Amino acid sequence: MNMAYISNNDKMLQAVLLNESLMKVGNYTQADIGSLYAALDSDNYIINTVAQIIKRAGEGASERELWKEINDYLKRNV
C-alpha cells in the first residue's frame, strides 16, 4: 500500500493490526493487512473485527451499537 495515499482509517487499521501479540493470536502476517475495505472482506476474524470497529466508529456508532454488531458478527462466524 502506498503510504502517500493511505487514509486515516487505513493508518488506524495498520496501527492496531501490526501489534505483534495480536498478529500471533490472529495468525496473520503484515501481507494479510490491506485497506480498510479489503479487511472488511477478510476471512480472518481479528482483521475483520478491527476493520468493522474502525469503520463504524468513524460513522459515529455508539459503543453500545458497536458491541452489539461485533458480538453478533463473532457469534455468527466463530
PDB file of N, CA and C in Angstrom:
ATOM      1  N   MET A   1       0.842  -1.175   0.000  1.00  0.00           N
ATOM      2  CA  MET A   1       0.000   0.000   0.000  1.00  0.00           C
ATOM      3  C   MET A   1       0.886   1.236   0.000  1.00  0.00           C
ATOM      4  N   ASN A   2       0.626   2.157  -0.892  1.00  0.00           N
ATOM      5  CA  ASN A   2       1.404   3.382  -0.995  1.00  0.00           C
ATOM      6  C   ASN A   2       1.029   4.304   0.155  1.00  0.00           C
ATOM      7  N   MET A   3       1.983   4.600   1.029  1.00  0.00           N
ATOM      8  CA  MET A   3       1.706   5.397   2.217  1.00  0.00           C
ATOM      9  C   MET A   3       1.298   6.829   1.875  1.00  0.00           C
ATOM     10  N   ALA A   4       1.631   7.336   0.682  1.00  0.00           N
ATOM     11  CA  ALA A   4       1.267   8.693   0.303  1.00  0.00           C
ATOM     12  C   ALA A   4      -0.248   8.829   0.135  1.00  0.00           C
ATOM     13  N   TYR A   5      -0.936   7.742  -0.151  1.00  0.00           N
ATOM     14  CA  TYR A   5      -2.376   7.783  -0.417  1.00  0.00           C
ATOM     15  C   TYR A   5      -3.190   6.987   0.597  1.00  0.00           C
ATOM     16  N   ILE A   6      -2.637   6.717   1.741  1.00  0.00           N
ATOM     17  CA  ILE A   6      -3.326   5.902   2.730  1.00  0.00           C
ATOM     18  C   ILE A   6      -4.266   6.784   3.567  1.00  0.00           C
ATOM     19  N   SER A   7      -5.486   6.314   3.771  1.00  0.00           N
ATOM     20  CA  SER A   7      -6.470   7.090   4.534  1.00  0.00           C
ATOM     21  C   SER A   7      -6.178   6.973   6.034  1.00  0.00           C
ATOM     22  N   ASN A   8      -6.786   7.857   6.794  1.00  0.00           N
ATOM     23  CA  ASN A   8      -6.621   7.788   8.252  1.00  0.00           C
ATOM     24  C   ASN A   8      -7.151   6.473   8.803  1.00  0.00           C
ATOM     25  N   ASN A   9      -8.267   5.980   8.256  1.00  0.00           N
ATOM     26  CA  ASN A   9      -8.803   4.694   8.711  1.00  0.00           C
ATOM     27  C   ASN A   9      -7.839   3.555   8.397  1.00  0.00           C
ATOM     28  N   ASP A  10      -7.203   3.606   7.229  1.00  0.00           N
ATOM     29  CA  ASP A  10      -6.226   2.571   6.877  1.00  0.00           C
ATOM     30  C   ASP A  10      -5.020   2.640   7.806  1.00  0.00           C
ATOM     31  N   LYS A  11      -4.599   3.853   8.150  1.00  0.00           N
ATOM     32  CA  LYS A  11      -3.477   4.016   9.087  1.00  0.00           C
ATOM     33  C   LYS A  11      -3.834   3.443  10.450  1.00  0.00           C
ATOM     34  N   MET A  12      -5.055   3.720  10.906  1.00  0.00           N
ATOM     35  CA  MET A  12      -5.503   3.204  12.198  1.00  0.00           C
ATOM     36  C   MET A  12      -5.566   1.676  12.168  1.00  0.00           C
ATOM     37  N   LEU A  13      -6.085   1.132  11.074  1.00  0.00           N
ATOM     38  CA  LEU A  13      -6.169  -0.321  10.919  1.00  0.00           C
ATOM     39  C   LEU A  13      -4.787  -0.946  11.036  1.00  0.00           C
ATOM     40  N   GLN A  14      -3.828  -0.386  10.320  1.00  0.00           N
ATOM     41  CA  GLN A  14      -2.476  -0.928  10.362  1.00  0.00           C
ATOM     42  C   GLN A  14      -1.844  -0.766  11.745  1.00  0.00           C
ATOM     43  N   ALA A  15      -2.084   0.384  12.378  1.00  0.00           N
ATOM     44  CA  ALA A  15      -1.510   0.625  13.700  1.00  0.00           C
ATOM     45  C   ALA A  15      -1.983  -0.433  14.700  1.00  0.00           C
ATOM     46  N   VAL A  16      -3.241  -0.788  14.622  1.00  0.00           N
ATOM     47  CA  VAL A  16      -3.780  -1.804  15.537  1.00  0.00           C
ATOM     48  C   VAL A  16      -3.307  -3.198  15.141  1.00  0.00           C
ATOM     49  N   LEU A  17      -3.472  -3.539  13.865  1.00  0.00           N
ATOM     50  CA  LEU A  17      -3.212  -4.916  13.435  1.00  0.00           C
ATOM     51  C   LEU A  17      -1.735  -5.279  13.358  1.00  0.00           C
ATOM     52  N   LEU A  18      -0.843  -4.306  13.352  1.00  0.00           N
ATOM     53  CA  LEU A  18       0.588  -4.623  13.320  1.00  0.00           C
ATOM     54  C   LEU A  18       1.156  -4.920  14.712  1.00  0.00           C
ATOM     55  N   ASN A  19       0.303  -4.964  15.715  1.00  0.00           N
ATOM     56  CA  ASN A  19       0.723  -5.361  17.056  1.00  0.00           C
ATOM     57  C   ASN A  19       1.144  -6.831  17.012  1.00  0.00           C
ATOM     58  N   GLU A  20       2.377  -7.099  17.429  1.00  0.00           N
ATOM     59  CA  GLU A  20       2.921  -8.464  17.314  1.00  0.00           C
ATOM     60  C   GLU A  20       2.098  -9.502  18.066  1.00  0.00           C
ATOM     61  N   SER A  21       1.633  -9.163  19.246  1.00  0.00           N
ATOM     62  CA  SER A  21       0.838 -10.118  20.033  1.00  0.00           C
ATOM     63  C   SER A  21      -0.473 -10.430  19.326  1.00  0.00           C
ATOM     64  N   LEU A  22      -1.113  -9.415  18.792  1.00  0.00           N
ATOM     65  CA  LEU A  22      -2.367  -9.615  18.074  1.00  0.00           C
ATOM     66  C   LEU A  22      -2.139 -10.445  16.814  1.00  0.00           C
ATOM     67  N   MET A  23      -1.006 -10.207  16.144  1.00  0.00           N
ATOM     68  CA  MET A  23      -0.684 -10.974  14.939  1.00  0.00           C
ATOM     69  C   MET A  23      -0.502 -12.459  15.267  1.00  0.00           C
ATOM     70  N   LYS A  24       0.101 -12.755  16.401  1.00  0.00           N
ATOM     71  CA  LYS A  24       0.286 -14.154  16.799  1.00  0.00           C
ATOM     72  C   LYS A  24      -1.050 -14.805  17.111  1.00  0.00           C
ATOM     73  N   VAL A  25      -1.881 -14.118  17.891  1.00  0.00           N
ATOM     74  CA  VAL A  25      -3.192 -14.662  18.256  1.00  0.00           C
ATOM     75  C   VAL A  25      -4.065 -14.835  17.020  1.00  0.00           C
ATOM     76  N   GLY A  26      -4.019 -13.849  16.132  1.00  0.00           N
ATOM     77  CA  GLY A  26      -4.852 -13.885  14.931  1.00  0.00           C
ATOM     78  C   GLY A  26      -4.290 -14.712  13.798  1.00  0.00           C
ATOM     79  N   ASN A  27      -3.051 -15.152  13.950  1.00  0.00           N
ATOM     80  CA  ASN A  27      -2.407 -15.985  12.943  1.00  0.00           C
ATOM     81  C   ASN A  27      -2.446 -15.329  11.557  1.00  0.00           C
ATOM     82  N   TYR A  28      -1.996 -14.075  11.492  1.00  0.00           N
ATOM     83  CA  TYR A  28      -1.914 -13.371  10.220  1.00  0.00           C
ATOM     84  C   TYR A  28      -0.573 -12.652  10.125  1.00  0.00           C
ATOM     85  N   THR A  29      -0.237 -12.220   8.926  1.00  0.00           N
ATOM     86  CA  THR A  29       1.011 -11.508   8.696  1.00  0.00           C
ATOM     87  C   THR A  29       0.696 -10.105   8.176  1.00  0.00           C
ATOM     88  N   GLN A  30       1.722  -9.293   8.057  1.00  0.00           N
ATOM     89  CA  GLN A  30       1.551  -7.939   7.542  1.00  0.00           C
ATOM     90  C   GLN A  30       0.962  -7.971   6.138  1.00  0.00           C
ATOM     91  N   ALA A  31       1.310  -8.971   5.358  1.00  0.00           N
ATOM     92  CA  ALA A  31       0.804  -9.089   3.991  1.00  0.00           C
ATOM     93  C   ALA A  31      -0.715  -9.305   3.956  1.00  0.00           C
ATOM     94  N   ASP A  32      -1.290  -9.803   5.054  1.00  0.00           N
ATOM     95  CA  ASP A  32      -2.734 -10.046   5.127  1.00  0.00           C
ATOM     96  C   ASP A  32      -3.527  -8.771   5.404  1.00  0.00           C
ATOM     97  N   ILE A  33      -2.834  -7.704   5.790  1.00  0.00           N
ATOM     98  CA  ILE A  33      -3.497  -6.451   6.143  1.00  0.00           C
ATOM     99  C   ILE A  33      -3.495  -5.550   4.913  1.00  0.00           C
ATOM    100  N   GLY A  34      -4.663  -5.298   4.378  1.00  0.00           N
ATOM    101  CA  GLY A  34      -4.764  -4.395   3.235  1.00  0.00           C
ATOM    102  C   GLY A  34      -5.429  -3.106   3.669  1.00  0.00           C
ATOM    103  N   SER A  35      -6.269  -2.615   2.819  1.00  0.00           N
ATOM    104  CA  SER A  35      -7.032  -1.413   3.136  1.00  0.00           C
ATOM    105  C   SER A  35      -8.177  -1.776   4.078  1.00  0.00           C
ATOM    106  N   LEU A  36      -8.833  -0.766   4.587  1.00  0.00           N
ATOM    107  CA  LEU A  36      -9.982  -0.986   5.461  1.00  0.00           C
ATOM    108  C   LEU A  36     -11.040  -1.810   4.737  1.00  0.00           C
ATOM    109  N   TYR A  37     -11.295  -1.479   3.472  1.00  0.00           N
ATOM    110  CA  TYR A  37     -12.349  -2.193   2.738  1.00  0.00           C
ATOM    111  C   TYR A  37     -11.957  -3.631   2.417  1.00  0.00           C
ATOM    112  N   ALA A  38     -10.688  -3.886   2.182  1.00  0.00           N
ATOM    113  CA  ALA A  38     -10.230  -5.270   1.993  1.00  0.00           C
ATOM    114  C   ALA A  38     -10.356  -6.031   3.310  1.00  0.00           C
ATOM    115  N   ALA A  39     -10.038  -5.363   4.420  1.00  0.00           N
ATOM    116  CA  ALA A  39     -10.120  -6.005   5.742  1.00  0.00           C
ATOM    117  C   ALA A  39     -11.559  -6.362   6.094  1.00  0.00           C
ATOM    118  N   LEU A  40     -12.507  -5.551   5.645  1.00  0.00           N
ATOM    119  CA  LEU A  40     -13.918  -5.854   5.902  1.00  0.00           C
ATOM    120  C   LEU A  40     -14.363  -7.127   5.192  1.00  0.00           C
ATOM    121  N   ASP A  41     -13.649  -7.532   4.150  1.00  0.00           N
ATOM    122  CA  ASP A  41     -13.957  -8.774   3.431  1.00  0.00           C
ATOM    123  C   ASP A  41     -13.087  -9.940   3.874  1.00  0.00           C
ATOM    124  N   SER A  42     -12.194  -9.706   4.830  1.00  0.00           N
ATOM    125  CA  SER A  42     -11.259 -10.740   5.271  1.00  0.00           C
ATOM    126  C   SER A  42     -11.983 -11.880   5.985  1.00  0.00           C
ATOM    127  N   ASP A  43     -11.484 -13.092   5.768  1.00  0.00           N
ATOM    128  CA  ASP A  43     -11.997 -14.263   6.485  1.00  0.00           C
ATOM    129  C   ASP A  43     -11.388 -14.365   7.879  1.00  0.00           C
ATOM    130  N   ASN A  44     -10.347 -13.580   8.136  1.00  0.00           N
ATOM    131  CA  ASN A  44      -9.707 -13.591   9.451  1.00  0.00           C
ATOM    132  C   ASN A  44     -10.561 -12.758  10.399  1.00  0.00           C
ATOM    133  N   TYR A  45     -11.026 -13.388  11.477  1.00  0.00           N
ATOM    134  CA  TYR A  45     -11.961 -12.738  12.396  1.00  0.00           C
ATOM    135  C   TYR A  45     -11.372 -11.500  13.061  1.00  0.00           C
ATOM    136  N   ILE A  46     -10.106 -11.545  13.405  1.00  0.00           N
ATOM    137  CA  ILE A  46      -9.487 -10.393  14.070  1.00  0.00           C
ATOM    138  C   ILE A  46      -9.359  -9.225  13.094  1.00  0.00           C
ATOM    139  N   ILE A  47      -8.864  -9.485  11.903  1.00  0.00           N
ATOM    140  CA  ILE A  47      -8.736  -8.420  10.899  1.00  0.00           C
ATOM    141  C   ILE A  47     -10.100  -7.818  10.595  1.00  0.00           C
ATOM    142  N   ASN A  48     -11.084  -8.661  10.370  1.00  0.00           N
ATOM    143  CA  ASN A  48     -12.420  -8.193  10.031  1.00  0.00           C
ATOM    144  C   ASN A  48     -13.045  -7.411  11.182  1.00  0.00           C
ATOM    145  N   THR A  49     -12.909  -7.900  12.402  1.00  0.00           N
ATOM    146  CA  THR A  49     -13.496  -7.238  13.562  1.00  0.00           C
ATOM    147  C   THR A  49     -12.883  -5.859  13.784  1.00  0.00           C
ATOM    148  N   VAL A  50     -11.571  -5.756  13.715  1.00  0.00           N
ATOM    149  CA  VAL A  50     -10.909  -4.457  13.887  1.00  0.00           C
ATOM    150  C   VAL A  50     -11.380  -3.492  12.798  1.00  0.00           C
ATOM    151  N   ALA A  51     -11.499  -3.980  11.576  1.00  0.00           N
ATOM    152  CA  ALA A  51     -11.963  -3.128  10.473  1.00  0.00           C
ATOM    153  C   ALA A  51     -13.395  -2.648  10.714  1.00  0.00           C
ATOM    154  N   GLN A  52     -14.250  -3.538  11.195  1.00  0.00           N
ATOM    155  CA  GLN A  52     -15.632  -3.151  11.482  1.00  0.00           C
ATOM    156  C   GLN A  52     -15.687  -2.074  12.567  1.00  0.00           C
ATOM    157  N   ILE A  53     -14.888  -2.234  13.607  1.00  0.00           N
ATOM    158  CA  ILE A  53     -14.866  -1.255  14.696  1.00  0.00           C
ATOM    159  C   ILE A  53     -14.425   0.107  14.180  1.00  0.00           C
ATOM    160  N   ILE A  54     -13.363   0.135  13.396  1.00  0.00           N
ATOM    161  CA  ILE A  54     -12.852   1.403  12.863  1.00  0.00           C
ATOM    162  C   ILE A  54     -13.881   2.054  11.939  1.00  0.00           C
ATOM    163  N   LYS A  55     -14.468   1.269  11.055  1.00  0.00           N
ATOM    164  CA  LYS A  55     -15.454   1.813  10.115  1.00  0.00           C
ATOM    165  C   LYS A  55     -16.659   2.382  10.848  1.00  0.00           C
ATOM    166  N   ARG A  56     -17.232   1.603  11.739  1.00  0.00           N
ATOM    167  CA  ARG A  56     -18.457   2.022  12.431  1.00  0.00           C
ATOM    168  C   ARG A  56     -18.188   3.170  13.399  1.00  0.00           C
ATOM    169  N   ALA A  57     -17.040   3.183  14.050  1.00  0.00           N
ATOM    170  CA  ALA A  57     -16.694   4.298  14.934  1.00  0.00           C
ATOM    171  C   ALA A  57     -16.587   5.577  14.109  1.00  0.00           C
ATOM    172  N   GLY A  58     -16.004   5.479  12.933  1.00  0.00           N
ATOM    173  CA  GLY A  58     -15.894   6.626  12.039  1.00  0.00           C
ATOM    174  C   GLY A  58     -17.233   7.128  11.538  1.00  0.00           C
ATOM    175  N   GLU A  59     -18.203   6.234  11.521  1.00  0.00           N
ATOM    176  CA  GLU A  59     -19.559   6.602  11.105  1.00  0.00           C
ATOM    177  C   GLU A  59     -20.386   7.161  12.265  1.00  0.00           C
ATOM    178  N   GLY A  60     -19.788   7.154  13.466  1.00  0.00           N
ATOM    179  CA  GLY A  60     -20.472   7.709  14.630  1.00  0.00           C
ATOM    180  C   GLY A  60     -21.274   6.714  15.442  1.00  0.00           C
ATOM    181  N   ALA A  61     -21.040   5.419  15.255  1.00  0.00           N
ATOM    182  CA  ALA A  61     -21.764   4.410  16.027  1.00  0.00           C
ATOM    183  C   ALA A  61     -21.421   4.535  17.509  1.00  0.00           C
ATOM    184  N   SER A  62     -22.409   4.292  18.342  1.00  0.00           N
ATOM    185  CA  SER A  62     -22.183   4.337  19.788  1.00  0.00           C
ATOM    186  C   SER A  62     -21.458   3.067  20.235  1.00  0.00           C
ATOM    187  N   GLU A  63     -20.914   3.109  21.444  1.00  0.00           N
ATOM    188  CA  GLU A  63     -20.250   1.909  21.976  1.00  0.00           C
ATOM    189  C   GLU A  63     -21.233   0.756  22.059  1.00  0.00           C
ATOM    190  N   ARG A  64     -22.465   1.048  22.435  1.00  0.00           N
ATOM    191  CA  ARG A  64     -23.489   0.005  22.537  1.00  0.00           C
ATOM    192  C   ARG A  64     -23.764  -0.628  21.167  1.00  0.00           C
ATOM    193  N   GLU A  65     -23.884   0.208  20.123  1.00  0.00           N
ATOM    194  CA  GLU A  65     -24.101  -0.308  18.775  1.00  0.00           C
ATOM    195  C   GLU A  65     -22.917  -1.161  18.325  1.00  0.00           C
ATOM    196  N   LEU A  66     -21.713  -0.666  18.579  1.00  0.00           N
ATOM    197  CA  LEU A  66     -20.505  -1.418  18.218  1.00  0.00           C
ATOM    198  C   LEU A  66     -20.484  -2.768  18.909  1.00  0.00           C
ATOM    199  N   TRP A  67     -20.739  -2.777  20.208  1.00  0.00           N
ATOM    200  CA  TRP A  67     -20.704  -4.033  20.965  1.00  0.00           C
ATOM    201  C   TRP A  67     -21.693  -5.020  20.376  1.00  0.00           C
ATOM    202  N   LYS A  68     -22.925  -4.571  20.113  1.00  0.00           N
ATOM    203  CA  LYS A  68     -23.944  -5.471  19.575  1.00  0.00           C
ATOM    204  C   LYS A  68     -23.544  -6.010  18.206  1.00  0.00           C
ATOM    205  N   GLU A  69     -23.087  -5.133  17.319  1.00  0.00           N
ATOM    206  CA  GLU A  69     -22.721  -5.560  15.973  1.00  0.00           C
ATOM    207  C   GLU A  69     -21.545  -6.534  15.981  1.00  0.00           C
ATOM    208  N   ILE A  70     -20.520  -6.230  16.769  1.00  0.00           N
ATOM    209  CA  ILE A  70     -19.343  -7.102  16.825  1.00  0.00           C
ATOM    210  C   ILE A  70     -19.691  -8.421  17.491  1.00  0.00           C
ATOM    211  N   ASN A  71     -20.462  -8.365  18.552  1.00  0.00           N
ATOM    212  CA  ASN A  71     -20.889  -9.579  19.237  1.00  0.00           C
ATOM    213  C   ASN A  71     -21.684 -10.481  18.290  1.00  0.00           C
ATOM    214  N   ASP A  72     -22.627  -9.898  17.546  1.00  0.00           N
ATOM    215  CA  ASP A  72     -23.412 -10.666  16.574  1.00  0.00           C
ATOM    216  C   ASP A  72     -22.527 -11.264  15.491  1.00  0.00           C
ATOM    217  N   TYR A  73     -21.572 -10.468  14.980  1.00  0.00           N
ATOM    218  CA  TYR A  73     -20.650 -10.965  13.946  1.00  0.00           C
ATOM    219  C   TYR A  73     -19.857 -12.165  14.453  1.00  0.00           C
ATOM    220  N   LEU A  74     -19.309 -12.028  15.656  1.00  0.00           N
ATOM    221  CA  LEU A  74     -18.487 -13.120  16.185  1.00  0.00           C
ATOM    222  C   LEU A  74     -19.328 -14.366  16.490  1.00  0.00           C
ATOM    223  N   LYS A  75     -20.533 -14.190  16.977  1.00  0.00           N
ATOM    224  CA  LYS A  75     -21.413 -15.347  17.217  1.00  0.00           C
ATOM    225  C   LYS A  75     -21.717 -16.085  15.915  1.00  0.00           C
ATOM    226  N   ARG A  76     -21.910 -15.340  14.832  1.00  0.00           N
ATOM    227  CA  ARG A  76     -22.237 -15.955  13.543  1.00  0.00           C
ATOM    228  C   ARG A  76     -21.043 -16.633  12.885  1.00  0.00           C
ATOM    229  N   ASN A  77     -19.832 -16.138  13.182  1.00  0.00           N
ATOM    230  CA  ASN A  77     -18.677 -16.566  12.386  1.00  0.00           C
ATOM    231  C   ASN A  77     -17.600 -17.334  13.125  1.00  0.00           C
ATOM    232  N   VAL A  78     -17.620 -17.340  14.428  1.00  0.00           N
ATOM    233  CA  VAL A  78     -16.534 -18.031  15.157  1.00  0.00           C
ATOM    234  C   VAL A  78     -17.073 -19.321  15.734  1.00  0.00           C
TER     235      VAL A  78
END
